[in-house]
Amino acid sequence: MLIDIKMMHRYVFFVLVVFLSHHVSFGQEKVLLTVLKKDRVNNTYSFDSSTKENGYDKTFVKYLGNIKTNQGEKYKVLSLSRIWGKNRHTSGVVYIYSYKNEFVGKYNLGSSSDLPQKVAKNHLYFTNRYKSDCDPKLSTEIDFTKMIPKEIFLKCKGTSGDIYTFSTEE
């Protein structure tokens, strides 16, 4: 029986990627649930996963608050900022959970500077305060009163900005 070494390497690589992505996702879910169980709005919690082998890796999670749609659906909103690597790369994600702490969905944002500052009156508020390439006077308000938007548009300069899609994949 002949085994194609290239195919075997691809298979091993694929299995490794699937395992690692599940591991990271599971780790973040655990962190998010820890914050939700504390049930403290506007508190930020930090989690340090830095190691000598993998380098710098810190996660900051803030429970921003609650939103309620006109249909009576209630949700919890969290922001997650992750800083990792030698160059301190950042990423930002807005998570939506049910009142029973079940994952509903998320918005994967460009970087942690894109994260919202607060939740108030069923709206998510974003500013450009920490974005050096955007107009600091512009802000964005996303309304969740009717439903969770499938896409959000964050203003940057004039009429330009970034669109982020709501994903239900963990």
N, C-alpha and C. Protein backbone atom coordinates (compact mmCIF):
# COMPACT_ATOMS: atom_id res chain seq x y z
N MET A 1 0.84 -1.18 0.00
CA MET A 1 0.00 0.00 0.00
C MET A 1 0.89 1.24 0.00
N LEU A 2 0.69 2.09 -0.99
CA LEU A 2 1.46 3.32 -1.09
C LEU A 2 0.73 4.46 -0.41
N ILE A 3 1.47 5.23 0.37
CA ILE A 3 0.89 6.38 1.05
C ILE A 3 1.51 7.63 0.46
N ASP A 4 0.67 8.50 0.01
CA ASP A 4 1.14 9.77 -0.53
C ASP A 4 1.53 10.67 0.63
N ILE A 5 2.82 10.97 0.76
CA ILE A 5 3.34 11.75 1.87
C ILE A 5 2.75 13.16 1.88
N LYS A 6 2.61 13.78 0.71
CA LYS A 6 2.03 15.13 0.65
C LYS A 6 0.60 15.13 1.17
N MET A 7 -0.17 14.12 0.77
CA MET A 7 -1.56 14.02 1.24
C MET A 7 -1.59 13.81 2.74
N MET A 8 -0.68 13.01 3.25
CA MET A 8 -0.63 12.74 4.68
C MET A 8 -0.27 14.03 5.43
N HIS A 9 0.67 14.80 4.94
CA HIS A 9 1.03 16.07 5.57
C HIS A 9 -0.15 17.03 5.56
N ARG A 10 -0.86 17.08 4.45
CA ARG A 10 -2.04 17.95 4.37
C ARG A 10 -3.09 17.52 5.38
N TYR A 11 -3.30 16.24 5.50
CA TYR A 11 -4.27 15.73 6.46
C TYR A 11 -3.87 16.08 7.89
N VAL A 12 -2.62 15.87 8.23
CA VAL A 12 -2.13 16.18 9.58
C VAL A 12 -2.27 17.69 9.84
N PHE A 13 -1.91 18.52 8.85
CA PHE A 13 -2.04 19.96 8.98
C PHE A 13 -3.50 20.35 9.20
N PHE A 14 -4.40 19.77 8.41
CA PHE A 14 -5.83 20.06 8.54
C PHE A 14 -6.34 19.70 9.93
N VAL A 15 -5.99 18.53 10.43
CA VAL A 15 -6.42 18.08 11.76
C VAL A 15 -5.87 19.03 12.82
N LEU A 16 -4.63 19.44 12.67
CA LEU A 16 -4.01 20.35 13.63
C LEU A 16 -4.73 21.70 13.64
N VAL A 17 -5.04 22.25 12.47
CA VAL A 17 -5.75 23.52 12.38
C VAL A 17 -7.13 23.41 13.03
N VAL A 18 -7.86 22.37 12.74
CA VAL A 18 -9.18 22.17 13.33
C VAL A 18 -9.08 22.07 14.85
N PHE A 19 -8.11 21.31 15.34
CA PHE A 19 -7.92 21.16 16.77
C PHE A 19 -7.60 22.50 17.43
N LEU A 20 -6.66 23.25 16.85
CA LEU A 20 -6.26 24.52 17.45
C LEU A 20 -7.38 25.54 17.41
N SER A 21 -8.13 25.60 16.31
CA SER A 21 -9.22 26.57 16.24
C SER A 21 -10.31 26.22 17.25
N HIS A 22 -10.57 24.94 17.46
CA HIS A 22 -11.53 24.52 18.47
C HIS A 22 -11.02 24.86 19.85
N HIS A 23 -9.72 24.65 20.08
CA HIS A 23 -9.12 24.92 21.38
C HIS A 23 -9.21 26.41 21.71
N VAL A 24 -8.87 27.29 20.76
CA VAL A 24 -8.94 28.73 20.99
C VAL A 24 -10.38 29.14 21.22
N SER A 25 -11.30 28.65 20.39
CA SER A 25 -12.71 28.97 20.53
C SER A 25 -13.23 28.51 21.89
N PHE A 26 -12.88 27.30 22.29
CA PHE A 26 -13.33 26.78 23.58
C PHE A 26 -12.77 27.62 24.71
N GLY A 27 -11.50 28.03 24.60
CA GLY A 27 -10.88 28.85 25.63
C GLY A 27 -11.56 30.20 25.76
N GLN A 28 -11.90 30.82 24.63
CA GLN A 28 -12.59 32.11 24.68
C GLN A 28 -13.99 31.96 25.23
N GLU A 29 -14.67 30.88 24.88
CA GLU A 29 -16.02 30.66 25.39
C GLU A 29 -15.98 30.52 26.91
N LYS A 30 -14.99 29.83 27.42
CA LYS A 30 -14.84 29.65 28.87
C LYS A 30 -14.62 31.00 29.55
N VAL A 31 -13.79 31.85 28.95
CA VAL A 31 -13.51 33.19 29.48
C VAL A 31 -14.79 34.02 29.48
N LEU A 32 -15.54 34.00 28.38
CA LEU A 32 -16.77 34.78 28.27
C LEU A 32 -17.80 34.33 29.30
N LEU A 33 -17.95 33.02 29.48
CA LEU A 33 -18.90 32.52 30.46
C LEU A 33 -18.49 32.88 31.89
N THR A 34 -17.21 32.92 32.15
CA THR A 34 -16.71 33.35 33.46
C THR A 34 -17.16 34.78 33.75
N VAL A 35 -17.02 35.66 32.77
CA VAL A 35 -17.43 37.06 32.93
C VAL A 35 -18.95 37.16 33.08
N LEU A 36 -19.70 36.42 32.28
CA LEU A 36 -21.16 36.46 32.37
C LEU A 36 -21.65 36.00 33.73
N LYS A 37 -21.03 34.99 34.29
CA LYS A 37 -21.45 34.47 35.60
C LYS A 37 -21.21 35.49 36.72
N LYS A 38 -20.20 36.36 36.54
CA LYS A 38 -19.95 37.41 37.54
C LYS A 38 -21.05 38.46 37.50
N ASP A 39 -21.69 38.63 36.33
CA ASP A 39 -22.87 39.49 36.16
C ASP A 39 -22.63 40.93 36.61
N ARG A 40 -21.48 41.50 36.22
CA ARG A 40 -21.15 42.88 36.60
C ARG A 40 -20.96 43.73 35.34
N VAL A 41 -21.98 44.52 35.05
CA VAL A 41 -21.98 45.37 33.87
C VAL A 41 -20.90 46.45 34.01
N ASN A 42 -20.22 46.73 32.90
CA ASN A 42 -19.16 47.73 32.76
C ASN A 42 -17.86 47.37 33.48
N ASN A 43 -17.73 46.16 33.95
CA ASN A 43 -16.45 45.72 34.51
C ASN A 43 -15.64 45.03 33.41
N THR A 44 -14.34 45.28 33.41
CA THR A 44 -13.43 44.65 32.45
C THR A 44 -12.57 43.65 33.20
N TYR A 45 -12.45 42.46 32.64
CA TYR A 45 -11.66 41.39 33.24
C TYR A 45 -10.53 41.03 32.28
N SER A 46 -9.35 40.78 32.83
CA SER A 46 -8.22 40.41 31.98
C SER A 46 -7.81 38.97 32.26
N PHE A 47 -7.36 38.32 31.20
CA PHE A 47 -6.93 36.93 31.26
C PHE A 47 -5.60 36.83 30.53
N ASP A 48 -4.58 36.34 31.22
CA ASP A 48 -3.24 36.28 30.66
C ASP A 48 -2.91 34.83 30.30
N SER A 49 -2.72 34.58 29.00
CA SER A 49 -2.36 33.24 28.51
C SER A 49 -0.94 33.24 27.96
N SER A 50 -0.15 34.24 28.33
CA SER A 50 1.22 34.36 27.83
C SER A 50 2.08 33.21 28.33
N THR A 51 2.93 32.72 27.44
CA THR A 51 3.89 31.68 27.81
C THR A 51 5.22 31.97 27.13
N LYS A 52 6.27 31.38 27.63
CA LYS A 52 7.57 31.54 26.99
C LYS A 52 7.54 30.98 25.57
N GLU A 53 6.84 29.88 25.38
CA GLU A 53 6.79 29.23 24.07
C GLU A 53 5.98 30.04 23.06
N ASN A 54 4.82 30.53 23.48
CA ASN A 54 3.91 31.19 22.54
C ASN A 54 3.97 32.72 22.61
N GLY A 55 4.64 33.27 23.60
CA GLY A 55 4.77 34.72 23.71
C GLY A 55 3.60 35.39 24.38
N TYR A 56 3.49 36.68 24.13
CA TYR A 56 2.48 37.53 24.75
C TYR A 56 1.09 37.17 24.26
N ASP A 57 0.12 37.05 25.18
CA ASP A 57 -1.25 36.72 24.81
C ASP A 57 -2.18 37.11 25.96
N LYS A 58 -2.81 38.26 25.83
CA LYS A 58 -3.74 38.73 26.85
C LYS A 58 -5.11 38.99 26.24
N THR A 59 -6.14 38.68 27.01
CA THR A 59 -7.52 38.88 26.59
C THR A 59 -8.22 39.75 27.63
N PHE A 60 -8.97 40.74 27.15
CA PHE A 60 -9.74 41.61 28.02
C PHE A 60 -11.20 41.50 27.61
N VAL A 61 -12.06 41.21 28.59
CA VAL A 61 -13.49 41.05 28.31
C VAL A 61 -14.26 42.04 29.18
N LYS A 62 -15.18 42.76 28.53
CA LYS A 62 -16.03 43.71 29.24
C LYS A 62 -17.49 43.34 28.99
N TYR A 63 -18.24 43.24 30.08
CA TYR A 63 -19.68 43.02 29.98
C TYR A 63 -20.28 44.41 29.81
N LEU A 64 -20.69 44.74 28.57
CA LEU A 64 -21.15 46.09 28.25
C LEU A 64 -22.55 46.40 28.75
N GLY A 65 -23.42 45.39 28.80
CA GLY A 65 -24.78 45.63 29.24
C GLY A 65 -25.77 44.74 28.53
N ASN A 66 -27.04 45.11 28.66
CA ASN A 66 -28.14 44.30 28.14
C ASN A 66 -28.94 45.07 27.11
N ILE A 67 -29.50 44.31 26.17
CA ILE A 67 -30.39 44.89 25.17
C ILE A 67 -31.66 44.06 25.13
N LYS A 68 -32.74 44.71 24.73
CA LYS A 68 -34.04 44.03 24.64
C LYS A 68 -34.71 44.50 23.36
N THR A 69 -35.15 43.54 22.54
CA THR A 69 -35.84 43.89 21.30
C THR A 69 -37.32 44.14 21.58
N ASN A 70 -38.00 44.72 20.59
CA ASN A 70 -39.44 44.95 20.72
C ASN A 70 -40.22 43.64 20.87
N GLN A 71 -39.63 42.53 20.39
CA GLN A 71 -40.28 41.23 20.50
C GLN A 71 -40.09 40.62 21.89
N GLY A 72 -39.40 41.33 22.78
CA GLY A 72 -39.21 40.85 24.14
C GLY A 72 -37.97 39.98 24.32
N GLU A 73 -37.17 39.81 23.28
CA GLU A 73 -35.95 39.02 23.39
C GLU A 73 -34.91 39.83 24.16
N LYS A 74 -34.28 39.20 25.15
CA LYS A 74 -33.27 39.88 25.96
C LYS A 74 -31.90 39.26 25.70
N TYR A 75 -30.90 40.14 25.57
CA TYR A 75 -29.55 39.69 25.27
C TYR A 75 -28.53 40.39 26.17
N LYS A 76 -27.39 39.75 26.32
CA LYS A 76 -26.24 40.31 27.02
C LYS A 76 -25.17 40.59 25.98
N VAL A 77 -24.49 41.73 26.11
CA VAL A 77 -23.47 42.14 25.14
C VAL A 77 -22.11 42.24 25.83
N LEU A 78 -21.13 41.57 25.22
CA LEU A 78 -19.76 41.62 25.73
C LEU A 78 -18.81 42.06 24.64
N SER A 79 -17.72 42.71 25.03
CA SER A 79 -16.66 43.01 24.08
C SER A 79 -15.42 42.24 24.51
N LEU A 80 -14.70 41.72 23.52
CA LEU A 80 -13.47 40.98 23.78
C LEU A 80 -12.35 41.60 22.97
N SER A 81 -11.28 41.94 23.65
CA SER A 81 -10.08 42.47 23.01
C SER A 81 -8.95 41.49 23.30
N ARG A 82 -8.27 41.09 22.26
CA ARG A 82 -7.14 40.17 22.43
C ARG A 82 -5.89 40.83 21.86
N ILE A 83 -4.81 40.78 22.64
CA ILE A 83 -3.53 41.32 22.23
C ILE A 83 -2.53 40.17 22.30
N TRP A 84 -1.83 39.92 21.19
CA TRP A 84 -0.93 38.77 21.18
C TRP A 84 0.27 39.02 20.29
N GLY A 85 1.29 38.21 20.52
CA GLY A 85 2.49 38.19 19.67
C GLY A 85 3.52 39.24 20.02
N LYS A 86 4.68 39.10 19.39
CA LYS A 86 5.79 40.03 19.60
C LYS A 86 5.39 41.47 19.26
N ASN A 87 4.63 41.62 18.20
CA ASN A 87 4.24 42.95 17.73
C ASN A 87 2.95 43.46 18.35
N ARG A 88 2.40 42.70 19.28
CA ARG A 88 1.18 43.09 20.00
C ARG A 88 0.00 43.36 19.04
N HIS A 89 -0.27 42.37 18.20
CA HIS A 89 -1.43 42.45 17.30
C HIS A 89 -2.69 42.50 18.15
N THR A 90 -3.74 43.14 17.62
CA THR A 90 -5.00 43.19 18.38
C THR A 90 -6.16 42.70 17.52
N SER A 91 -7.16 42.21 18.19
CA SER A 91 -8.41 41.87 17.53
C SER A 91 -9.54 42.21 18.48
N GLY A 92 -10.70 42.49 17.92
CA GLY A 92 -11.85 42.83 18.74
C GLY A 92 -13.08 42.09 18.26
N VAL A 93 -13.87 41.64 19.21
CA VAL A 93 -15.10 40.91 18.90
C VAL A 93 -16.21 41.38 19.84
N VAL A 94 -17.40 41.58 19.29
CA VAL A 94 -18.59 41.86 20.10
C VAL A 94 -19.40 40.57 20.13
N TYR A 95 -19.66 40.07 21.33
CA TYR A 95 -20.42 38.84 21.52
C TYR A 95 -21.82 39.15 22.02
N ILE A 96 -22.79 38.39 21.52
CA ILE A 96 -24.17 38.49 21.98
C ILE A 96 -24.54 37.14 22.59
N TYR A 97 -25.03 37.18 23.83
CA TYR A 97 -25.47 35.98 24.54
C TYR A 97 -26.91 36.15 24.99
N SER A 98 -27.62 35.03 25.14
CA SER A 98 -28.98 35.07 25.65
C SER A 98 -28.94 35.34 27.16
N TYR A 99 -30.10 35.58 27.74
CA TYR A 99 -30.16 35.79 29.19
C TYR A 99 -29.84 34.51 29.97
N LYS A 100 -29.83 33.38 29.26
CA LYS A 100 -29.45 32.10 29.89
C LYS A 100 -27.97 31.80 29.65
N ASN A 101 -27.22 32.81 29.23
CA ASN A 101 -25.78 32.70 28.95
C ASN A 101 -25.46 31.70 27.84
N GLU A 102 -26.33 31.64 26.83
CA GLU A 102 -26.11 30.80 25.66
C GLU A 102 -25.64 31.68 24.51
N PHE A 103 -24.62 31.24 23.80
CA PHE A 103 -24.07 31.98 22.67
C PHE A 103 -25.15 32.18 21.60
N VAL A 104 -25.29 33.44 21.13
CA VAL A 104 -26.23 33.77 20.07
C VAL A 104 -25.47 34.11 18.79
N GLY A 105 -24.43 34.94 18.92
CA GLY A 105 -23.65 35.33 17.74
C GLY A 105 -22.60 36.35 18.09
N LYS A 106 -21.90 36.83 17.03
CA LYS A 106 -20.81 37.78 17.26
C LYS A 106 -20.55 38.62 16.02
N TYR A 107 -19.89 39.73 16.25
CA TYR A 107 -19.36 40.59 15.20
C TYR A 107 -17.84 40.57 15.35
N ASN A 108 -17.12 40.03 14.37
CA ASN A 108 -15.66 40.07 14.37
C ASN A 108 -15.24 41.41 13.79
N LEU A 109 -14.65 42.24 14.62
CA LEU A 109 -14.24 43.57 14.20
C LEU A 109 -12.78 43.56 13.78
N GLY A 110 -12.33 44.64 13.17
CA GLY A 110 -10.95 44.71 12.70
C GLY A 110 -9.94 44.62 13.82
N SER A 111 -10.00 45.53 14.76
CA SER A 111 -9.04 45.52 15.86
C SER A 111 -9.75 45.93 17.14
N SER A 112 -9.03 45.93 18.23
CA SER A 112 -9.65 46.28 19.50
C SER A 112 -10.06 47.75 19.54
N SER A 113 -9.46 48.59 18.70
CA SER A 113 -9.85 50.01 18.66
C SER A 113 -11.25 50.19 18.04
N ASP A 114 -11.78 49.16 17.41
CA ASP A 114 -13.12 49.21 16.82
C ASP A 114 -14.23 48.87 17.81
N LEU A 115 -13.87 48.42 19.00
CA LEU A 115 -14.88 47.96 19.97
C LEU A 115 -15.78 49.09 20.44
N PRO A 116 -17.03 48.76 20.77
CA PRO A 116 -17.96 49.78 21.27
C PRO A 116 -17.59 50.21 22.70
N GLN A 117 -18.01 51.43 23.05
CA GLN A 117 -17.72 51.95 24.38
C GLN A 117 -18.81 51.60 25.39
N LYS A 118 -20.06 51.50 24.90
CA LYS A 118 -21.14 51.24 25.86
C LYS A 118 -22.40 50.73 25.18
N VAL A 119 -23.31 50.24 26.03
CA VAL A 119 -24.67 49.88 25.64
C VAL A 119 -25.60 50.75 26.47
N ALA A 120 -26.57 51.39 25.81
CA ALA A 120 -27.56 52.19 26.52
C ALA A 120 -28.84 52.23 25.69
N LYS A 121 -29.97 52.05 26.36
CA LYS A 121 -31.28 52.12 25.71
C LYS A 121 -31.35 51.28 24.45
N ASN A 122 -30.88 50.05 24.51
CA ASN A 122 -30.92 49.09 23.40
C ASN A 122 -30.08 49.52 22.19
N HIS A 123 -29.10 50.36 22.41
CA HIS A 123 -28.19 50.81 21.36
C HIS A 123 -26.76 50.48 21.77
N LEU A 124 -25.95 50.20 20.77
CA LEU A 124 -24.53 49.95 20.95
C LEU A 124 -23.81 51.19 20.41
N TYR A 125 -22.94 51.80 21.24
CA TYR A 125 -22.29 53.06 20.89
C TYR A 125 -20.80 52.86 20.62
N PHE A 126 -20.36 53.35 19.45
CA PHE A 126 -18.97 53.28 19.02
C PHE A 126 -18.45 54.70 18.84
N THR A 127 -17.19 54.93 19.19
CA THR A 127 -16.55 56.21 18.89
C THR A 127 -15.24 55.92 18.14
N ASN A 128 -14.68 56.95 17.59
CA ASN A 128 -13.39 56.83 16.91
C ASN A 128 -12.25 57.33 17.81
N ARG A 129 -12.51 57.43 19.07
CA ARG A 129 -11.56 57.98 20.03
C ARG A 129 -10.18 57.32 19.95
N TYR A 130 -10.13 56.01 19.74
CA TYR A 130 -8.86 55.29 19.75
C TYR A 130 -8.39 54.89 18.35
N LYS A 131 -9.01 55.48 17.33
CA LYS A 131 -8.67 55.13 15.94
C LYS A 131 -7.96 56.31 15.30
N SER A 132 -6.65 56.21 15.15
CA SER A 132 -5.84 57.32 14.65
C SER A 132 -6.13 57.65 13.19
N ASP A 133 -6.63 56.70 12.42
CA ASP A 133 -6.88 56.92 11.00
C ASP A 133 -8.31 57.36 10.69
N CYS A 134 -9.12 57.59 11.73
CA CYS A 134 -10.52 57.99 11.52
C CYS A 134 -10.78 59.35 12.17
N ASP A 135 -11.88 59.98 11.77
CA ASP A 135 -12.29 61.26 12.32
C ASP A 135 -12.75 61.06 13.77
N PRO A 136 -12.05 61.64 14.75
CA PRO A 136 -12.40 61.41 16.15
C PRO A 136 -13.75 62.03 16.55
N LYS A 137 -14.30 62.91 15.69
CA LYS A 137 -15.59 63.53 16.00
C LYS A 137 -16.77 62.63 15.62
N LEU A 138 -16.51 61.65 14.75
CA LEU A 138 -17.59 60.76 14.31
C LEU A 138 -17.83 59.65 15.32
N SER A 139 -19.09 59.30 15.47
CA SER A 139 -19.46 58.16 16.30
C SER A 139 -20.56 57.39 15.59
N THR A 140 -20.78 56.17 16.03
CA THR A 140 -21.79 55.31 15.42
C THR A 140 -22.68 54.75 16.52
N GLU A 141 -23.97 54.75 16.24
CA GLU A 141 -24.97 54.23 17.17
C GLU A 141 -25.74 53.13 16.44
N ILE A 142 -25.70 51.90 16.98
CA ILE A 142 -26.39 50.76 16.35
C ILE A 142 -27.62 50.41 17.18
N ASP A 143 -28.77 50.41 16.54
CA ASP A 143 -30.05 50.17 17.21
C ASP A 143 -30.39 48.67 17.20
N PHE A 144 -30.63 48.13 18.38
CA PHE A 144 -31.01 46.72 18.52
C PHE A 144 -32.49 46.59 18.91
N THR A 145 -33.24 47.68 18.86
CA THR A 145 -34.63 47.65 19.33
C THR A 145 -35.49 46.67 18.55
N LYS A 146 -35.36 46.64 17.22
CA LYS A 146 -36.19 45.76 16.40
C LYS A 146 -35.65 44.34 16.38
N MET A 147 -34.31 44.22 16.25
CA MET A 147 -33.67 42.91 16.16
C MET A 147 -32.16 43.09 16.20
N ILE A 148 -31.45 41.98 16.22
CA ILE A 148 -30.00 42.02 16.10
C ILE A 148 -29.68 42.27 14.63
N PRO A 149 -28.99 43.37 14.31
CA PRO A 149 -28.68 43.66 12.91
C PRO A 149 -27.78 42.59 12.29
N LYS A 150 -28.05 42.23 11.05
CA LYS A 150 -27.22 41.26 10.32
C LYS A 150 -25.87 41.86 9.95
N GLU A 151 -25.86 43.19 9.78
CA GLU A 151 -24.62 43.91 9.50
C GLU A 151 -24.63 45.22 10.27
N ILE A 152 -23.43 45.66 10.64
CA ILE A 152 -23.30 46.98 11.24
C ILE A 152 -22.27 47.76 10.44
N PHE A 153 -22.48 49.06 10.35
CA PHE A 153 -21.57 49.95 9.63
C PHE A 153 -20.99 50.93 10.63
N LEU A 154 -19.65 50.92 10.78
CA LEU A 154 -18.96 51.83 11.69
C LEU A 154 -18.34 52.96 10.88
N LYS A 155 -18.75 54.19 11.17
CA LYS A 155 -18.26 55.36 10.45
C LYS A 155 -16.79 55.59 10.76
N CYS A 156 -16.06 56.06 9.74
CA CYS A 156 -14.64 56.38 9.92
C CYS A 156 -14.37 57.82 9.50
N LYS A 157 -14.50 58.11 8.21
CA LYS A 157 -14.28 59.46 7.67
C LYS A 157 -15.39 59.77 6.68
N GLY A 158 -16.03 60.91 6.86
CA GLY A 158 -17.11 61.29 5.94
C GLY A 158 -18.17 60.22 5.88
N THR A 159 -18.38 59.67 4.67
CA THR A 159 -19.37 58.60 4.51
C THR A 159 -18.71 57.23 4.44
N SER A 160 -17.39 57.17 4.63
CA SER A 160 -16.70 55.88 4.56
C SER A 160 -16.62 55.25 5.94
N GLY A 161 -16.40 53.95 5.93
CA GLY A 161 -16.31 53.20 7.18
C GLY A 161 -16.16 51.72 6.89
N ASP A 162 -16.46 50.92 7.90
CA ASP A 162 -16.33 49.47 7.77
C ASP A 162 -17.65 48.78 8.09
N ILE A 163 -17.92 47.71 7.33
CA ILE A 163 -19.12 46.90 7.55
C ILE A 163 -18.68 45.59 8.19
N TYR A 164 -19.39 45.19 9.24
CA TYR A 164 -19.13 43.93 9.92
C TYR A 164 -20.41 43.12 9.96
N THR A 165 -20.28 41.83 9.69
CA THR A 165 -21.42 40.92 9.58
C THR A 165 -21.60 40.12 10.86
N PHE A 166 -22.85 39.93 11.25
CA PHE A 166 -23.19 39.11 12.41
C PHE A 166 -23.03 37.64 12.04
N SER A 167 -22.31 36.90 12.87
CA SER A 167 -22.08 35.48 12.63
C SER A 167 -22.59 34.66 13.81
N THR A 168 -23.26 33.55 13.51
CA THR A 168 -23.74 32.67 14.57
C THR A 168 -22.80 31.49 14.79
N GLU A 169 -21.68 31.49 14.09
CA GLU A 169 -20.68 30.42 14.26
C GLU A 169 -19.77 30.78 15.43
N GLU A 170 -19.57 29.81 16.32
CA GLU A 170 -18.69 30.05 17.46
C GLU A 170 -17.31 29.97 17.01
